[in-house]
N, C-alpha and C. Protein backbone atom coordinates (compact mmCIF):
# COMPACT_ATOMS: atom_id res chain seq x y z
N MET A 1 46.37 33.81 75.43
CA MET A 1 46.65 34.10 76.82
C MET A 1 48.15 33.97 77.05
N TYR A 2 48.70 34.88 77.81
CA TYR A 2 50.12 34.85 78.11
C TYR A 2 50.30 35.09 79.61
N TRP A 3 51.10 34.28 80.24
CA TRP A 3 51.22 34.29 81.70
C TRP A 3 51.80 35.59 82.23
N ASN A 4 52.94 36.03 81.71
CA ASN A 4 53.61 37.24 82.20
C ASN A 4 53.59 38.32 81.12
N THR A 5 52.79 39.34 81.33
CA THR A 5 52.77 40.46 80.40
C THR A 5 54.05 41.27 80.55
N SER A 6 54.44 41.58 81.78
CA SER A 6 55.67 42.33 82.01
C SER A 6 56.32 41.89 83.31
N LEU A 7 57.64 41.97 83.32
CA LEU A 7 58.44 41.68 84.51
C LEU A 7 59.59 42.67 84.59
N LYS A 8 60.14 42.84 85.77
CA LYS A 8 61.37 43.63 85.91
C LYS A 8 62.48 42.94 85.14
N ASP A 9 63.50 43.72 84.72
CA ASP A 9 64.67 43.13 84.06
C ASP A 9 65.18 41.96 84.88
N GLY A 10 65.58 40.91 84.21
CA GLY A 10 66.07 39.72 84.89
C GLY A 10 65.03 38.62 84.91
N GLY A 11 63.76 38.99 84.76
CA GLY A 11 62.70 38.02 84.61
C GLY A 11 62.48 37.07 85.76
N ILE A 12 62.55 37.55 86.99
CA ILE A 12 62.32 36.68 88.15
C ILE A 12 60.89 36.94 88.64
N SER A 13 60.12 35.88 88.75
CA SER A 13 58.75 36.02 89.21
C SER A 13 58.72 36.33 90.71
N THR A 14 57.55 36.64 91.22
CA THR A 14 57.43 36.96 92.65
C THR A 14 57.74 35.75 93.52
N TRP A 15 57.69 34.54 92.96
CA TRP A 15 58.03 33.33 93.74
C TRP A 15 59.45 32.84 93.45
N GLY A 16 60.25 33.66 92.69
CA GLY A 16 61.67 33.39 92.55
C GLY A 16 62.10 32.57 91.35
N TRP A 17 61.22 32.22 90.44
CA TRP A 17 61.59 31.44 89.26
C TRP A 17 61.94 32.37 88.10
N LYS A 18 62.95 31.97 87.31
CA LYS A 18 63.29 32.74 86.10
C LYS A 18 62.14 32.59 85.11
N GLN A 19 61.67 33.73 84.60
CA GLN A 19 60.51 33.77 83.72
C GLN A 19 60.82 34.59 82.47
N ASN A 20 59.99 34.41 81.46
CA ASN A 20 60.04 35.30 80.31
C ASN A 20 58.75 36.12 80.31
N SER A 21 58.75 37.21 79.59
CA SER A 21 57.57 38.07 79.54
C SER A 21 57.54 38.80 78.21
N LEU A 22 56.40 39.41 77.92
CA LEU A 22 56.27 40.20 76.70
C LEU A 22 57.11 41.47 76.77
N VAL A 23 57.18 42.06 77.97
CA VAL A 23 57.88 43.34 78.16
C VAL A 23 58.77 43.23 79.40
N SER A 24 59.99 43.77 79.30
CA SER A 24 60.88 43.86 80.46
C SER A 24 60.96 45.32 80.89
N VAL A 25 60.87 45.54 82.20
CA VAL A 25 60.86 46.89 82.75
C VAL A 25 62.14 47.14 83.53
N ASP A 26 62.83 48.24 83.19
CA ASP A 26 64.00 48.68 83.94
C ASP A 26 63.51 49.72 84.94
N THR A 27 63.35 49.30 86.19
CA THR A 27 62.78 50.20 87.20
C THR A 27 63.74 51.31 87.61
N VAL A 28 65.04 51.11 87.43
CA VAL A 28 66.01 52.15 87.78
C VAL A 28 65.94 53.31 86.79
N ASN A 29 65.99 52.98 85.49
CA ASN A 29 65.97 54.02 84.45
C ASN A 29 64.57 54.38 83.98
N ARG A 30 63.59 53.68 84.52
CA ARG A 30 62.18 53.93 84.17
C ARG A 30 61.94 53.79 82.66
N THR A 31 62.48 52.69 82.11
CA THR A 31 62.29 52.39 80.70
C THR A 31 61.77 50.96 80.56
N TYR A 32 61.43 50.58 79.35
CA TYR A 32 60.98 49.22 79.08
C TYR A 32 61.47 48.80 77.70
N LYS A 33 61.43 47.50 77.45
CA LYS A 33 61.76 46.99 76.12
C LYS A 33 60.83 45.82 75.80
N TYR A 34 60.51 45.69 74.52
CA TYR A 34 59.70 44.57 74.05
C TYR A 34 60.61 43.38 73.83
N ASN A 35 60.23 42.23 74.36
CA ASN A 35 61.00 40.99 74.21
C ASN A 35 60.56 40.22 72.98
N HIS A 36 61.28 39.15 72.65
CA HIS A 36 60.95 38.31 71.50
C HIS A 36 59.50 37.83 71.56
N GLU A 37 59.05 37.48 72.74
CA GLU A 37 57.68 36.97 72.89
C GLU A 37 56.65 38.02 72.46
N TYR A 38 56.93 39.29 72.73
CA TYR A 38 56.02 40.37 72.32
C TYR A 38 55.87 40.36 70.80
N TRP A 39 57.00 40.31 70.09
CA TRP A 39 56.96 40.37 68.63
C TRP A 39 56.28 39.14 68.05
N LEU A 40 56.49 37.99 68.65
CA LEU A 40 55.81 36.78 68.20
C LEU A 40 54.30 36.94 68.37
N MET A 41 53.86 37.37 69.54
CA MET A 41 52.43 37.54 69.78
C MET A 41 51.84 38.60 68.84
N LYS A 42 52.61 39.64 68.55
CA LYS A 42 52.13 40.68 67.64
C LYS A 42 51.90 40.10 66.25
N HIS A 43 52.85 39.34 65.76
CA HIS A 43 52.71 38.71 64.44
C HIS A 43 51.52 37.76 64.42
N LEU A 44 51.44 36.90 65.43
CA LEU A 44 50.36 35.91 65.45
C LEU A 44 48.99 36.58 65.53
N SER A 45 48.84 37.55 66.42
CA SER A 45 47.53 38.16 66.62
C SER A 45 47.12 39.06 65.45
N HIS A 46 48.07 39.58 64.71
CA HIS A 46 47.73 40.46 63.59
C HIS A 46 47.36 39.68 62.33
N PHE A 47 48.11 38.63 62.02
CA PHE A 47 47.95 37.95 60.74
C PHE A 47 47.07 36.70 60.80
N ILE A 48 46.97 36.08 61.96
CA ILE A 48 46.19 34.85 62.06
C ILE A 48 44.81 35.20 62.60
N LYS A 49 43.81 34.88 61.81
CA LYS A 49 42.44 35.31 62.10
C LYS A 49 41.68 34.24 62.91
N PRO A 50 40.65 34.66 63.66
CA PRO A 50 39.83 33.69 64.39
C PRO A 50 39.30 32.61 63.44
N GLY A 51 39.40 31.37 63.88
CA GLY A 51 38.97 30.24 63.07
C GLY A 51 40.06 29.64 62.21
N ALA A 52 41.28 30.22 62.24
CA ALA A 52 42.39 29.68 61.45
C ALA A 52 42.76 28.29 61.96
N LYS A 53 43.29 27.48 61.07
CA LYS A 53 43.75 26.13 61.41
C LYS A 53 45.26 26.06 61.25
N ARG A 54 45.90 25.46 62.24
CA ARG A 54 47.36 25.30 62.15
C ARG A 54 47.69 24.23 61.13
N LEU A 55 48.70 24.49 60.32
CA LEU A 55 49.16 23.56 59.30
C LEU A 55 50.47 22.92 59.72
N GLU A 56 50.69 21.73 59.26
CA GLU A 56 51.96 21.05 59.53
C GLU A 56 53.04 21.67 58.65
N THR A 57 54.22 21.87 59.23
CA THR A 57 55.38 22.28 58.44
C THR A 57 56.34 21.10 58.40
N VAL A 58 57.01 20.92 57.29
CA VAL A 58 57.97 19.82 57.15
C VAL A 58 59.30 20.40 56.70
N GLY A 59 60.36 19.69 57.01
CA GLY A 59 61.69 20.13 56.64
C GLY A 59 62.56 20.27 57.88
N GLN A 60 63.78 20.73 57.67
CA GLN A 60 64.74 20.83 58.75
C GLN A 60 64.62 22.13 59.55
N TYR A 61 63.93 23.12 59.00
CA TYR A 61 63.80 24.40 59.70
C TYR A 61 62.74 24.28 60.78
N GLU A 62 63.12 24.48 62.04
CA GLU A 62 62.22 24.22 63.17
C GLU A 62 61.47 25.45 63.67
N ASP A 63 61.95 26.65 63.38
CA ASP A 63 61.34 27.86 63.93
C ASP A 63 60.29 28.43 62.97
N ALA A 64 59.29 27.60 62.64
CA ALA A 64 58.25 28.01 61.70
C ALA A 64 56.88 27.55 62.18
N LEU A 65 55.90 28.42 61.99
CA LEU A 65 54.50 28.10 62.25
C LEU A 65 53.71 28.46 61.00
N ALA A 66 52.74 27.63 60.64
CA ALA A 66 51.91 27.90 59.47
C ALA A 66 50.44 27.73 59.82
N PHE A 67 49.61 28.59 59.24
CA PHE A 67 48.17 28.57 59.49
C PHE A 67 47.41 28.86 58.20
N ARG A 68 46.21 28.29 58.08
CA ARG A 68 45.30 28.65 57.00
C ARG A 68 44.14 29.43 57.62
N ASN A 69 44.00 30.67 57.19
CA ASN A 69 42.92 31.52 57.66
C ASN A 69 41.60 31.12 57.00
N PRO A 70 40.47 31.48 57.61
CA PRO A 70 39.17 31.17 57.00
C PRO A 70 39.00 31.73 55.58
N ASP A 71 39.71 32.82 55.24
CA ASP A 71 39.61 33.38 53.88
C ASP A 71 40.49 32.65 52.87
N GLY A 72 41.18 31.59 53.32
CA GLY A 72 42.02 30.78 52.43
C GLY A 72 43.47 31.19 52.38
N THR A 73 43.82 32.34 52.94
CA THR A 73 45.23 32.74 52.95
C THR A 73 46.03 31.82 53.87
N VAL A 74 47.27 31.61 53.51
CA VAL A 74 48.19 30.83 54.34
C VAL A 74 49.20 31.79 54.94
N VAL A 75 49.35 31.72 56.26
CA VAL A 75 50.27 32.59 56.99
C VAL A 75 51.42 31.75 57.50
N LEU A 76 52.64 32.17 57.21
CA LEU A 76 53.84 31.49 57.67
C LEU A 76 54.63 32.46 58.52
N VAL A 77 54.88 32.10 59.79
CA VAL A 77 55.66 32.92 60.71
C VAL A 77 56.97 32.18 60.97
N LEU A 78 58.08 32.85 60.69
CA LEU A 78 59.41 32.26 60.85
C LEU A 78 60.27 33.12 61.75
N TYR A 79 61.11 32.47 62.53
CA TYR A 79 62.05 33.18 63.39
C TYR A 79 63.47 32.80 63.00
N ASN A 80 64.29 33.79 62.71
CA ASN A 80 65.71 33.55 62.45
C ASN A 80 66.45 33.71 63.77
N ASN A 81 66.76 32.61 64.39
CA ASN A 81 67.42 32.59 65.70
C ASN A 81 68.94 32.53 65.52
N SER A 82 69.43 33.29 64.58
CA SER A 82 70.85 33.27 64.23
C SER A 82 71.40 34.69 64.28
N ASP A 83 72.71 34.82 64.46
CA ASP A 83 73.32 36.15 64.48
C ASP A 83 73.71 36.62 63.08
N SER A 84 73.28 35.88 62.04
CA SER A 84 73.55 36.30 60.67
C SER A 84 72.29 36.16 59.83
N GLU A 85 72.29 36.87 58.70
CA GLU A 85 71.15 36.78 57.79
C GLU A 85 71.04 35.34 57.29
N LYS A 86 69.80 34.89 57.11
CA LYS A 86 69.58 33.50 56.72
C LYS A 86 68.55 33.45 55.59
N SER A 87 68.87 32.66 54.54
CA SER A 87 67.91 32.40 53.47
C SER A 87 67.27 31.04 53.73
N ILE A 88 65.97 30.98 53.54
CA ILE A 88 65.23 29.75 53.82
C ILE A 88 64.41 29.38 52.60
N SER A 89 64.54 28.14 52.15
CA SER A 89 63.77 27.65 51.02
C SER A 89 62.37 27.28 51.50
N ILE A 90 61.36 27.87 50.86
CA ILE A 90 59.97 27.67 51.28
C ILE A 90 59.16 27.22 50.06
N LYS A 91 58.29 26.24 50.28
CA LYS A 91 57.36 25.81 49.23
C LYS A 91 55.97 25.82 49.81
N VAL A 92 55.07 26.57 49.17
CA VAL A 92 53.67 26.63 49.56
C VAL A 92 52.87 26.27 48.33
N GLY A 93 52.14 25.18 48.40
CA GLY A 93 51.45 24.70 47.21
C GLY A 93 52.48 24.33 46.16
N GLU A 94 52.34 24.87 44.99
CA GLU A 94 53.29 24.60 43.90
C GLU A 94 54.34 25.69 43.75
N LYS A 95 54.28 26.73 44.58
CA LYS A 95 55.19 27.86 44.45
C LYS A 95 56.35 27.75 45.43
N GLY A 96 57.55 28.08 44.96
CA GLY A 96 58.74 28.07 45.80
C GLY A 96 59.29 29.48 45.98
N PHE A 97 59.89 29.71 47.14
CA PHE A 97 60.44 31.01 47.49
C PHE A 97 61.76 30.82 48.22
N LEU A 98 62.64 31.81 48.14
CA LEU A 98 63.91 31.77 48.87
C LEU A 98 64.17 33.15 49.50
N PRO A 99 63.35 33.54 50.49
CA PRO A 99 63.56 34.84 51.13
C PRO A 99 64.74 34.82 52.09
N SER A 100 65.28 36.00 52.37
CA SER A 100 66.36 36.17 53.35
C SER A 100 65.79 36.91 54.56
N PHE A 101 66.21 36.49 55.75
CA PHE A 101 65.72 37.08 56.98
C PHE A 101 66.86 37.63 57.81
N LYS A 102 66.65 38.81 58.35
CA LYS A 102 67.67 39.46 59.19
C LYS A 102 67.92 38.64 60.45
N PRO A 103 69.09 38.83 61.08
CA PRO A 103 69.40 38.11 62.33
C PRO A 103 68.36 38.39 63.42
N TYR A 104 68.04 37.38 64.19
CA TYR A 104 67.13 37.48 65.34
C TYR A 104 65.84 38.22 64.98
N SER A 105 65.21 37.82 63.88
CA SER A 105 64.00 38.51 63.44
C SER A 105 62.83 37.54 63.27
N PHE A 106 61.63 38.04 63.59
CA PHE A 106 60.39 37.34 63.26
C PHE A 106 59.95 37.85 61.90
N ASN A 107 59.47 36.95 61.07
CA ASN A 107 59.07 37.30 59.72
C ASN A 107 57.74 36.61 59.40
N THR A 108 56.82 37.36 58.83
CA THR A 108 55.52 36.81 58.50
C THR A 108 55.30 36.92 57.00
N LEU A 109 54.97 35.80 56.38
CA LEU A 109 54.66 35.76 54.97
C LEU A 109 53.20 35.35 54.83
N VAL A 110 52.46 36.05 53.97
CA VAL A 110 51.05 35.72 53.73
C VAL A 110 50.91 35.34 52.26
N PHE A 111 50.35 34.16 52.02
CA PHE A 111 50.18 33.65 50.66
C PHE A 111 48.70 33.59 50.31
N MET A 112 48.36 34.12 49.15
CA MET A 112 47.01 34.03 48.63
C MET A 112 47.00 32.86 47.65
N LEU A 113 46.36 31.78 48.03
CA LEU A 113 46.36 30.60 47.15
C LEU A 113 45.08 30.50 46.35
């Protein structure tokens, strides 16, 4: 469930509070754009299956979520909240990885254990 599906650019709710939404609408130019929250929800809803359990993540990297799906796959969703490419050291089970992520990007890794 998400409170604001879409708001006009600027993200002000009808009661005057600054809000975030999945989509921002430019009413002057009659266009829209998908916000970060949209991409996060897209990743979560596509890769994480009903009945999945959230897993604890450890380490200094804070923008990470991990889940174990009922089929045993492990899903790791990471956000690079930086204006430069970032490499992140990841260990899942006994396997280690060092992927690079583009600036301001959501990234989903699926591991078959």
